Every structure is written in C-alpha cells, then in structure tokens.
Amino acid sequence: MSKIRYGIVGVGNQGTYYAVRLDGGLVEDSVLTAVADINPAKIEAIKPKLKGDVKFYSDYKQMLADGVCDAVLVAVPHYDHPSIVIECLNRGIHVITDKPAAVYTKQVEEMNAAAEKSKALYGMMFNQRTNCLYRKMKEIIAAGGIGELQRVNWIITDWFRTQKYYDSGSWRATWKGEGGGVLINQCPHQLDLVQWVVGEMPVSVNGFCKYGKWHDVEVEDEVTAYFEYKNGASGVFITTTGEAPGTNRFEVSGTKGKLLCENKKLFFYQNAEDSQSFSKTSSESFAAPKCEVIEPETDGENLQHVGILQNFSRAILGKEPLFVDGREGINGVALMNAIELSGWKDGARVTLPIDGDLYYKELMAHVATSRFKAVDDNQVEGTLNFGTGFLKVKNGK
C-alpha cells in the first residue's frame, strides 16, 4: 500500500478536526476513506466539508467489515474508547484513539491486553509529545542533566471554558457521560507529559478538587494535586477551566539545576556543581553553586495532531518507529484516577498503582446520581481551542 486509508469513528468537534485535515491532504502517506457516527446530523454536517471519496456509516462495525480502511481513528466520548479500540485490534485493524485512553484503568488494562495479542498497531493521540520543548526536557532529564529529582511543578490554568462550551453536549462534564471534568478532558496531555518528561510516575497522590466551582457542572473544574516520588521528591499540579488569563508553567528541579518551560521558551538553569555536593563541602554559610542560564537548542518541530497521524501511518508502512505506543496511555489515566479518588476522599493519600476496583466502585457511585443535560447534541462548532499555553507579550513604553 502507498497510503494508509483512515476511517474515523465519531465526527463531533474533534473528529471533524481530524477529518478535514486527512481529507485535505495535510497528513502525508494518509487518506480519509470513511466516516462513522451514530448521529445522522453529525454525518450530514460533515459531508459538505469533505472533498474526497469518503463513505459514510451509521455503524462503525459495518465500516470495519467493508474493508474500506486500514486504520481507524477513534474520536468518540471517553467511555466508548475501549470497546471500539478492542474491536479494531481483535479484527487486526490498526487503531489510534484520542486522549484519554479510557475513563478508568480497568478499561485500559483490557485495551492493553488486546493490543498485546493483536498484530495491529495501537497508538494514542498524545500530540503534545511532538513539542520540541517537551522533547528536549525529556532528553536533558534522561541524560542526568538536572541530577537527582527534587521538585516538579506544573501550573496549567490556560484552559478557560465558558458555560456555552459545557452546554454544547448533554454528556459533557457529567460523570455518566464523560467520567470527569478538567482532569479527563483538558489535562490528559499534561498528565501524560508530567510522567513522560520526568521519566517516572509518582508513588502517591493527594488531590484537592472543586466540583462546579466556576461553572454549572457536576464534575471538577479546579484541581490542586500533590505528588510524591520514590526518592522523596515532591510535585504540585494545578489546573482549572475557570481562570483567565491562565498560566502554563512547567518546572522540573534537581540537584544539578532546573528546567523551566513557559511562553514558548525553555530555559535550563545549570549548576556548576551538584547542589548537595556543594552543600556538604562549602566553607560558607550562605553560598550557593554558580548557575548558568541556558536556552537549549531544539529542532524547532512541533507537528502536533498532524505529526502523530503522520508517524502512525509511516509506522504502519514500516518507514519509521511508532512514536506513541497506545499502551502508555495507562499512566495518565492512573494519575487522573488517583487525583479524582483522593478528591472524593477529601484529599486523602492515594498510592500508585491505583486500586482499579476501588476506583471503579467510587466512580459508579457518582455515575448513579449523574444526569445528562437537556441540550442539542446535534451542534458542531467546527473550531477548537486546544489551549496554547503561551502569551504574546507586548513591550510597553
């Protein structure tokens, strides 16, 4: 095959975004050949936006059976990710799913088990991993550049959302329909990156969640979480959809220096000497290691969604290795679940790996009282704000 034929399951806002780019030839080695959605209104809404030879389905299984696609991109509500991914893998059809992998770890474990048995590739849309700044941070930390880990801080509060956003779907921001709020919708990328960049998961989490603090929703729209790592290092993760202007500041500190990523810039505060070695040998009381501030050179690439899809196609064709293995999606879901579980228990310490059975039990208790909203599920905005995390700074006189 010269190009990978894609079928998309789910063409709401996100699925439409992918469809238009695949159909427009923006993803090399790829072509859109089919779209499936159970909502006829969504199918009719996307038809005028596509120019290629695309088949339309109300049943994704029929799309799979017809053999019109080599790979499937899953862009449906979170609870439905596992069943579609597993169906594709069991049929030997390559599949890539939008974030998060699923709502809870027990689902992800089933997906990963299916991936282990399948000859098909399984990918995750962790497009933020393509950002050259995050890739450089990971590279420096993995090479021992910051020394022993001491602290991880991420303030990611530039996810401002209006009530209109939350009212755009009956299922949105409900335990029953989405499985959570800012953690499961906006922050899967950051919860993936915070462990991917640092190179390890925390061993425990304390989560402090505010439910419907800034919006008329039943789920969390503000979170402060505390992480503890195996060497005793600490971390803080802060997020909300109710703050404007927001902040996106990611800082990782160690005994040899710290990395700071903010406003499309990465700085490495590099110590001339390991701070702990300096502390033990210095003859002065208030001295500190000399520090040089460096702006590390990167390759400048940040291909985002198109880059992830392009890599997935090329991996299928044997042209390059798969950049994001879908099985890695369990880490971010585990962090989400741990923060959420701790929040439900008034900030109590939750250890990792999380107790999947306990989390599922608590989640289902929330689902039992959850209610869908009376809104029009046929609307498709067609434009998306993924949260840039960066501000344009004007020089004032």
Protein backbone atom coordinates (compact mmCIF):
# COMPACT_ATOMS: atom_id res chain seq x y z
CA MET A 1 0.00 0.00 0.00
CA SER A 2 1.21 3.53 -0.77
CA LYS A 3 -1.13 5.40 1.59
CA ILE A 4 -2.94 4.39 4.76
CA ARG A 5 -6.71 4.56 4.39
CA TYR A 6 -8.31 6.05 7.51
CA GLY A 7 -11.78 5.62 8.91
CA ILE A 8 -12.89 7.98 11.67
CA VAL A 9 -15.37 6.92 14.34
CA GLY A 10 -17.11 9.97 15.77
CA VAL A 11 -17.30 13.30 13.94
CA GLY A 12 -18.17 15.82 16.60
CA ASN A 13 -15.81 18.77 17.08
CA GLN A 14 -12.64 16.69 17.44
CA GLY A 15 -13.46 14.10 14.80
CA THR A 16 -14.33 16.84 12.32
CA TYR A 17 -10.98 18.49 13.01
CA TYR A 18 -9.17 15.26 12.10
CA ALA A 19 -11.38 14.51 9.10
CA VAL A 20 -10.82 17.88 7.45
CA ARG A 21 -7.04 17.55 7.79
CA LEU A 22 -6.89 13.99 6.49
CA ASP A 23 -9.25 14.81 3.64
CA GLY A 24 -7.28 17.97 2.81
CA GLY A 25 -4.04 16.04 2.31
CA LEU A 26 -2.30 17.62 5.30
CA VAL A 27 -1.18 14.21 6.63
CA GLU A 28 1.43 12.57 4.42
CA ASP A 29 1.04 8.89 3.50
CA SER A 30 -2.61 9.08 4.55
CA VAL A 31 -6.07 9.43 3.05
CA LEU A 32 -9.56 9.64 4.55
CA THR A 33 -11.86 6.96 3.11
CA ALA A 34 -14.64 6.53 5.66
CA VAL A 35 -16.51 8.21 8.49
CA ALA A 36 -18.88 6.65 11.04
CA ASP A 37 -21.21 8.30 13.53
CA ILE A 38 -24.42 7.11 15.17
CA ASN A 39 -25.86 10.63 14.93
CA PRO A 40 -27.24 11.31 11.40
CA ALA A 41 -26.99 15.05 12.00
CA LYS A 42 -23.23 14.79 12.51
CA ILE A 43 -22.86 12.87 9.24
CA GLU A 44 -24.86 15.47 7.34
CA ALA A 45 -22.87 18.28 8.96
CA ILE A 46 -19.51 16.91 7.84
CA LYS A 47 -20.40 15.95 4.27
CA PRO A 48 -20.02 19.48 2.81
CA LYS A 49 -16.62 19.84 4.50
CA LEU A 50 -15.08 16.82 2.73
CA LYS A 51 -13.95 16.77 -0.90
CA GLY A 52 -12.53 13.28 -1.31
CA ASP A 53 -14.15 9.91 -1.99
CA VAL A 54 -15.42 9.20 1.53
CA LYS A 55 -18.00 6.61 2.56
CA PHE A 56 -20.38 7.36 5.42
CA TYR A 57 -21.67 4.90 8.03
CA SER A 58 -24.04 4.88 10.98
CA ASP A 59 -22.45 1.65 12.27
CA TYR A 60 -18.68 1.60 12.69
CA LYS A 61 -18.61 -2.21 12.72
CA GLN A 62 -20.04 -2.22 9.22
CA MET A 63 -17.28 0.19 8.21
CA LEU A 64 -14.73 -2.26 9.57
CA ALA A 65 -16.41 -5.22 7.87
CA ASP A 66 -16.46 -3.47 4.49
CA GLY A 67 -12.67 -3.26 4.42
CA VAL A 68 -12.62 0.40 3.43
CA CYS A 69 -9.92 1.41 5.91
CA ASP A 70 -6.50 0.19 7.04
CA ALA A 71 -6.55 2.24 10.22
CA VAL A 72 -9.21 3.72 12.47
CA LEU A 73 -9.10 6.98 14.42
CA VAL A 74 -11.39 6.96 17.46
CA ALA A 75 -12.91 10.34 18.43
CA VAL A 76 -15.97 9.45 20.50
CA PRO A 77 -16.90 10.16 24.15
CA HIS A 78 -14.39 8.69 26.60
CA TYR A 79 -16.40 5.73 27.86
CA ASP A 80 -16.67 4.38 24.31
CA HIS A 81 -12.95 4.36 23.52
CA PRO A 82 -12.24 0.85 24.88
CA SER A 83 -14.94 -1.10 23.03
CA ILE A 84 -14.05 0.42 19.65
CA VAL A 85 -10.28 0.08 20.14
CA ILE A 86 -10.61 -3.55 21.23
CA GLU A 87 -12.94 -4.33 18.31
CA CYS A 88 -10.38 -2.94 15.86
CA LEU A 89 -7.47 -4.77 17.49
CA ASN A 90 -9.36 -8.06 17.53
CA ARG A 91 -10.00 -7.66 13.79
CA GLY A 92 -6.34 -6.86 13.13
CA ILE A 93 -7.10 -3.27 12.13
CA HIS A 94 -4.65 -0.58 13.18
CA VAL A 95 -6.22 1.92 15.58
CA ILE A 96 -5.30 5.23 17.18
CA THR A 97 -7.53 6.78 19.81
CA ASP A 98 -7.92 10.30 21.05
CA LYS A 99 -6.98 11.09 24.64
CA PRO A 100 -7.59 9.82 27.24
CA ALA A 101 -7.19 6.11 26.57
CA ALA A 102 -10.26 5.48 28.73
CA VAL A 103 -12.04 6.69 31.84
CA TYR A 104 -10.56 4.24 34.34
CA THR A 105 -7.55 1.91 34.50
CA LYS A 106 -9.54 -1.33 34.42
CA GLN A 107 -10.70 -0.34 30.92
CA VAL A 108 -7.16 0.50 29.81
CA GLU A 109 -5.87 -2.85 31.07
CA GLU A 110 -8.37 -4.59 28.81
CA MET A 111 -7.29 -2.43 25.86
CA ASN A 112 -3.62 -3.16 26.51
CA ALA A 113 -4.31 -6.90 26.77
CA ALA A 114 -6.00 -6.79 23.36
CA ALA A 115 -3.03 -4.86 21.95
CA GLU A 116 -0.61 -7.50 23.24
CA LYS A 117 -2.47 -10.22 21.31
CA SER A 118 -3.03 -8.23 18.11
CA LYS A 119 -0.68 -7.83 15.15
CA ALA A 120 -2.17 -4.38 14.52
CA LEU A 121 -0.56 -1.18 15.75
CA TYR A 122 -2.22 0.73 18.60
CA GLY A 123 -1.48 4.43 19.03
CA MET A 124 -2.54 7.35 21.23
CA MET A 125 -3.12 10.95 20.21
CA PHE A 126 -0.57 12.40 22.61
CA ASN A 127 0.19 15.26 20.24
CA GLN A 128 1.88 17.39 22.89
CA ARG A 129 4.77 14.92 22.90
CA THR A 130 5.71 16.31 19.47
CA ASN A 131 6.52 19.70 21.01
CA CYS A 132 10.28 20.21 20.69
CA LEU A 133 10.44 21.89 24.11
CA TYR A 134 8.97 18.92 25.95
CA ARG A 135 11.10 16.51 23.95
CA LYS A 136 14.21 18.47 24.89
CA MET A 137 13.22 18.49 28.57
CA LYS A 138 12.84 14.73 28.49
CA GLU A 139 16.21 14.36 26.77
CA ILE A 140 18.05 16.50 29.32
CA ILE A 141 16.45 14.76 32.33
CA ALA A 142 17.07 11.27 30.91
CA ALA A 143 20.74 12.17 30.37
CA GLY A 144 21.09 13.15 34.06
CA GLY A 145 21.27 16.86 33.30
CA ILE A 146 19.31 18.02 36.35
CA GLY A 147 20.78 15.43 38.70
CA GLU A 148 18.59 13.87 41.39
CA LEU A 149 14.94 14.88 41.09
CA GLN A 150 13.82 17.33 43.79
CA ARG A 151 10.63 19.03 42.64
CA VAL A 152 8.06 19.04 39.82
CA ASN A 153 5.63 21.96 39.42
CA TRP A 154 3.08 22.46 36.67
CA ILE A 155 0.57 25.29 36.69
CA ILE A 156 -1.69 24.66 33.70
CA THR A 157 -4.60 27.04 34.06
CA ASP A 158 -4.98 28.33 30.48
CA TRP A 159 -7.94 26.06 29.74
CA PHE A 160 -10.60 28.74 30.19
CA ARG A 161 -14.02 27.49 29.12
CA THR A 162 -17.39 29.26 29.03
CA GLN A 163 -20.71 27.85 30.13
CA LYS A 164 -21.58 27.67 26.42
CA TYR A 165 -18.81 25.12 26.00
CA TYR A 166 -20.17 22.94 28.78
CA ASP A 167 -23.69 23.21 27.37
CA SER A 168 -22.56 22.04 23.89
CA GLY A 169 -23.35 18.39 24.67
CA SER A 170 -25.73 16.61 27.02
CA TRP A 171 -22.96 14.25 28.09
CA ARG A 172 -20.29 16.90 28.58
CA ALA A 173 -18.96 17.48 32.13
CA THR A 174 -21.03 14.67 33.63
CA TRP A 175 -19.83 11.60 35.50
CA LYS A 176 -22.15 9.45 33.40
CA GLY A 177 -21.16 10.85 30.02
CA GLU A 178 -17.56 11.98 30.32
CA GLY A 179 -16.27 10.47 33.54
CA GLY A 180 -14.86 13.69 34.94
CA GLY A 181 -14.03 17.30 34.17
CA VAL A 182 -10.81 19.23 33.62
CA LEU A 183 -8.66 16.21 34.51
CA ILE A 184 -10.14 13.85 31.94
CA ASN A 185 -11.00 16.38 29.24
CA GLN A 186 -8.37 19.12 29.16
CA CYS A 187 -5.43 17.67 31.11
CA PRO A 188 -4.74 14.18 29.74
CA HIS A 189 -1.88 15.69 27.71
CA GLN A 190 -0.24 17.29 30.73
CA LEU A 191 -0.79 14.25 32.94
CA ASP A 192 0.88 12.19 30.23
CA LEU A 193 3.73 14.65 29.81
CA VAL A 194 4.41 15.11 33.52
CA GLN A 195 5.39 11.44 33.78
CA TRP A 196 6.84 11.08 30.25
CA VAL A 197 9.14 14.10 30.57
CA VAL A 198 10.23 13.37 34.14
CA GLY A 199 10.70 9.70 33.32
CA GLU A 200 8.80 8.26 36.24
CA MET A 201 5.41 8.12 37.94
CA PRO A 202 4.77 9.45 41.44
CA VAL A 203 4.32 6.80 44.13
CA SER A 204 1.45 8.66 45.78
CA VAL A 205 -1.01 11.47 45.13
CA ASN A 206 -3.15 13.83 47.21
CA GLY A 207 -5.87 15.51 45.19
CA PHE A 208 -7.95 18.55 46.13
CA CYS A 209 -10.79 19.01 43.65
CA LYS A 210 -13.51 21.64 43.41
CA TYR A 211 -16.69 20.45 41.71
CA GLY A 212 -18.65 23.03 39.71
CA LYS A 213 -16.76 25.90 41.32
CA TRP A 214 -16.75 28.13 38.23
CA HIS A 215 -19.42 26.54 36.03
CA ASP A 216 -22.80 24.87 36.29
CA VAL A 217 -21.36 21.34 36.09
CA GLU A 218 -21.25 18.31 38.39
CA VAL A 219 -17.57 17.46 37.82
CA GLU A 220 -14.29 19.10 38.82
CA ASP A 221 -13.34 22.40 37.17
CA GLU A 222 -10.46 23.25 39.53
CA VAL A 223 -7.76 20.93 40.91
CA THR A 224 -4.62 21.14 43.01
CA ALA A 225 -2.72 17.87 43.35
CA TYR A 226 0.36 16.94 45.37
CA PHE A 227 2.71 14.23 44.08
CA GLU A 228 5.38 12.32 45.97
CA TYR A 229 8.12 10.40 44.17
CA LYS A 230 10.07 7.32 45.21
CA ASN A 231 13.15 9.34 46.27
CA GLY A 232 11.02 11.73 48.34
CA ALA A 233 10.84 14.47 45.70
CA SER A 234 7.57 16.38 45.58
CA GLY A 235 5.35 17.73 42.86
CA VAL A 236 2.39 20.08 42.52
CA PHE A 237 -0.09 20.05 39.63
CA ILE A 238 -2.62 22.88 39.39
CA THR A 239 -5.33 23.22 36.77
CA THR A 240 -8.71 24.84 36.12
CA THR A 241 -11.08 25.86 33.34
CA GLY A 242 -12.23 28.93 35.26
CA GLU A 243 -9.21 31.22 35.23
CA ALA A 244 -8.39 33.92 32.67
CA PRO A 245 -5.76 34.84 31.79
CA GLY A 246 -4.31 31.45 32.62
CA THR A 247 -0.76 30.20 33.07
CA ASN A 248 1.22 27.34 31.60
CA ARG A 249 4.43 27.00 33.59
CA PHE A 250 6.23 23.65 33.82
CA GLU A 251 9.27 23.45 36.08
CA VAL A 252 11.39 20.42 36.97
CA SER A 253 14.18 20.87 39.52
CA GLY A 254 17.07 18.65 40.53
CA THR A 255 20.38 18.83 42.33
CA LYS A 256 22.23 19.91 39.16
CA GLY A 257 19.74 22.57 38.08
CA LYS A 258 16.22 23.13 36.84
CA LEU A 259 14.26 23.25 33.60
CA LEU A 260 11.62 25.93 33.09
CA CYS A 261 9.16 25.86 30.19
CA GLU A 262 6.87 28.85 29.79
CA ASN A 263 5.67 31.16 26.99
CA LYS A 264 7.14 29.03 24.16
CA LYS A 265 10.56 29.17 25.76
CA LEU A 266 12.69 26.58 27.56
CA PHE A 267 15.45 27.59 29.95
CA PHE A 268 17.99 25.35 31.68
CA TYR A 269 19.34 26.76 34.94
CA GLN A 270 22.51 24.65 35.08
CA ASN A 271 24.51 24.46 38.28
CA ALA A 272 28.30 24.41 38.04
CA GLU A 273 28.25 21.79 40.81
CA ASP A 274 25.68 19.40 42.24
CA SER A 275 23.88 21.36 44.97
CA GLN A 276 24.10 18.57 47.54
CA SER A 277 27.82 18.04 46.97
CA PHE A 278 28.30 21.80 47.22
CA SER A 279 26.28 21.93 50.45
CA LYS A 280 28.41 19.26 52.10
CA THR A 281 31.78 20.74 51.12
CA SER A 282 31.26 24.53 51.15
CA SER A 283 33.01 26.53 53.88
CA GLU A 284 30.44 29.33 53.61
CA SER A 285 27.02 29.52 55.27
CA PHE A 286 25.07 31.39 52.61
CA ALA A 287 26.86 30.35 49.43
CA ALA A 288 25.18 28.61 46.51
CA PRO A 289 26.55 26.87 43.41
CA LYS A 290 27.23 29.11 40.45
CA CYS A 291 24.43 28.81 37.91
CA GLU A 292 24.36 29.47 34.18
CA VAL A 293 21.06 30.07 32.40
CA ILE A 294 20.97 28.34 29.01
CA GLU A 295 18.30 28.29 26.33
CA PRO A 296 18.77 24.73 24.97
CA GLU A 297 18.80 24.30 21.21
CA THR A 298 15.92 22.24 19.80
CA ASP A 299 14.97 21.01 16.34
CA GLY A 300 12.11 23.53 16.32
CA GLU A 301 9.48 20.97 15.36
CA ASN A 302 6.01 20.92 16.89
CA LEU A 303 3.84 18.94 14.47
CA GLN A 304 1.01 18.20 16.92
CA HIS A 305 -2.01 16.15 15.67
CA VAL A 306 -0.81 16.01 12.07
CA GLY A 307 2.60 14.81 13.25
CA ILE A 308 1.12 12.00 15.36
CA LEU A 309 -1.09 10.81 12.50
CA GLN A 310 1.78 11.06 10.03
CA ASN A 311 4.01 8.97 12.28
CA PHE A 312 1.24 6.40 12.80
CA SER A 313 0.85 5.99 9.05
CA ARG A 314 4.59 5.71 8.49
CA ALA A 315 4.90 3.19 11.32
CA ILE A 316 2.25 1.03 9.65
CA LEU A 317 4.14 1.33 6.35
CA GLY A 318 7.41 0.39 8.08
CA LYS A 319 9.03 3.74 7.37
CA GLU A 320 9.70 4.76 10.99
CA PRO A 321 9.13 3.51 14.55
CA LEU A 322 5.86 4.24 16.34
CA PHE A 323 6.31 7.41 18.41
CA VAL A 324 3.46 6.86 20.89
CA ASP A 325 2.55 3.31 21.86
CA GLY A 326 -1.11 3.29 22.89
CA ARG A 327 -0.33 1.06 25.84
CA GLU A 328 1.42 4.02 27.50
CA GLY A 329 -1.97 5.66 27.90
CA ILE A 330 -2.49 3.83 31.18
CA ASN A 331 -0.07 6.12 33.04
CA GLY A 332 -2.05 9.31 32.52
CA VAL A 333 -5.33 7.56 33.34
CA ALA A 334 -3.80 6.21 36.55
CA LEU A 335 -2.79 9.73 37.58
CA MET A 336 -6.26 11.09 36.74
CA ASN A 337 -7.93 8.33 38.72
CA ALA A 338 -5.63 8.78 41.71
CA ILE A 339 -6.26 12.55 41.88
CA GLU A 340 -10.00 12.07 41.45
CA LEU A 341 -10.20 9.32 44.07
CA SER A 342 -8.25 11.41 46.54
CA GLY A 343 -10.54 14.37 45.84
CA TRP A 344 -13.60 12.28 46.61
CA LYS A 345 -11.91 11.32 49.89
CA ASP A 346 -11.14 14.91 50.94
CA GLY A 347 -7.52 14.85 49.83
CA ALA A 348 -6.53 11.53 51.39
CA ARG A 349 -3.26 9.97 50.18
CA VAL A 350 -3.72 7.52 47.31
CA THR A 351 -0.83 5.22 46.39
CA LEU A 352 0.11 4.10 42.90
CA PRO A 353 -0.51 1.75 41.20
CA ILE A 354 -4.11 2.66 41.95
CA ASP A 355 -6.65 0.12 43.18
CA GLY A 356 -8.69 -0.20 39.98
CA ASP A 357 -11.59 -1.99 41.60
CA LEU A 358 -11.94 0.67 44.30
CA TYR A 359 -11.84 3.49 41.77
CA TYR A 360 -14.45 1.82 39.58
CA LYS A 361 -16.75 1.35 42.59
CA GLU A 362 -16.45 5.01 43.59
CA LEU A 363 -16.91 6.21 40.01
CA MET A 364 -20.05 4.14 39.55
CA ALA A 365 -21.48 5.67 42.74
CA HIS A 366 -21.08 9.09 41.12
CA VAL A 367 -22.46 7.84 37.81
CA ALA A 368 -25.58 6.58 39.61
CA THR A 369 -26.57 10.14 40.53
CA SER A 370 -25.27 11.78 37.36
CA ARG A 371 -27.67 13.46 34.94
CA PHE A 372 -27.33 14.40 31.27
CA LYS A 373 -28.24 17.99 30.34
CA ALA A 374 -31.15 18.98 28.14
CA VAL A 375 -29.17 20.45 25.23
CA ASP A 376 -28.89 19.95 21.47
CA ASP A 377 -26.39 17.18 20.76
CA ASN A 378 -26.51 17.86 17.01
CA GLN A 379 -24.43 21.03 17.14
CA VAL A 380 -20.85 21.00 15.84
CA GLU A 381 -18.85 24.17 16.37
CA GLY A 382 -16.16 23.35 13.82
CA THR A 383 -13.49 25.38 15.63
CA LEU A 384 -11.46 24.21 18.57
CA ASN A 385 -9.38 25.94 21.22
CA PHE A 386 -6.80 23.47 22.47
CA GLY A 387 -5.22 25.99 24.85
CA THR A 388 -1.96 27.43 23.59
CA GLY A 389 -0.32 27.77 26.95
CA PHE A 390 1.56 30.75 25.57
CA LEU A 391 1.01 34.50 25.70
CA LYS A 392 2.08 37.17 23.26
CA VAL A 393 3.90 39.80 25.28
CA LYS A 394 3.79 43.40 24.09
CA ASN A 395 6.59 45.74 25.01
CA GLY A 396 5.28 48.83 26.75
CA LYS A 397 6.98 52.19 26.82
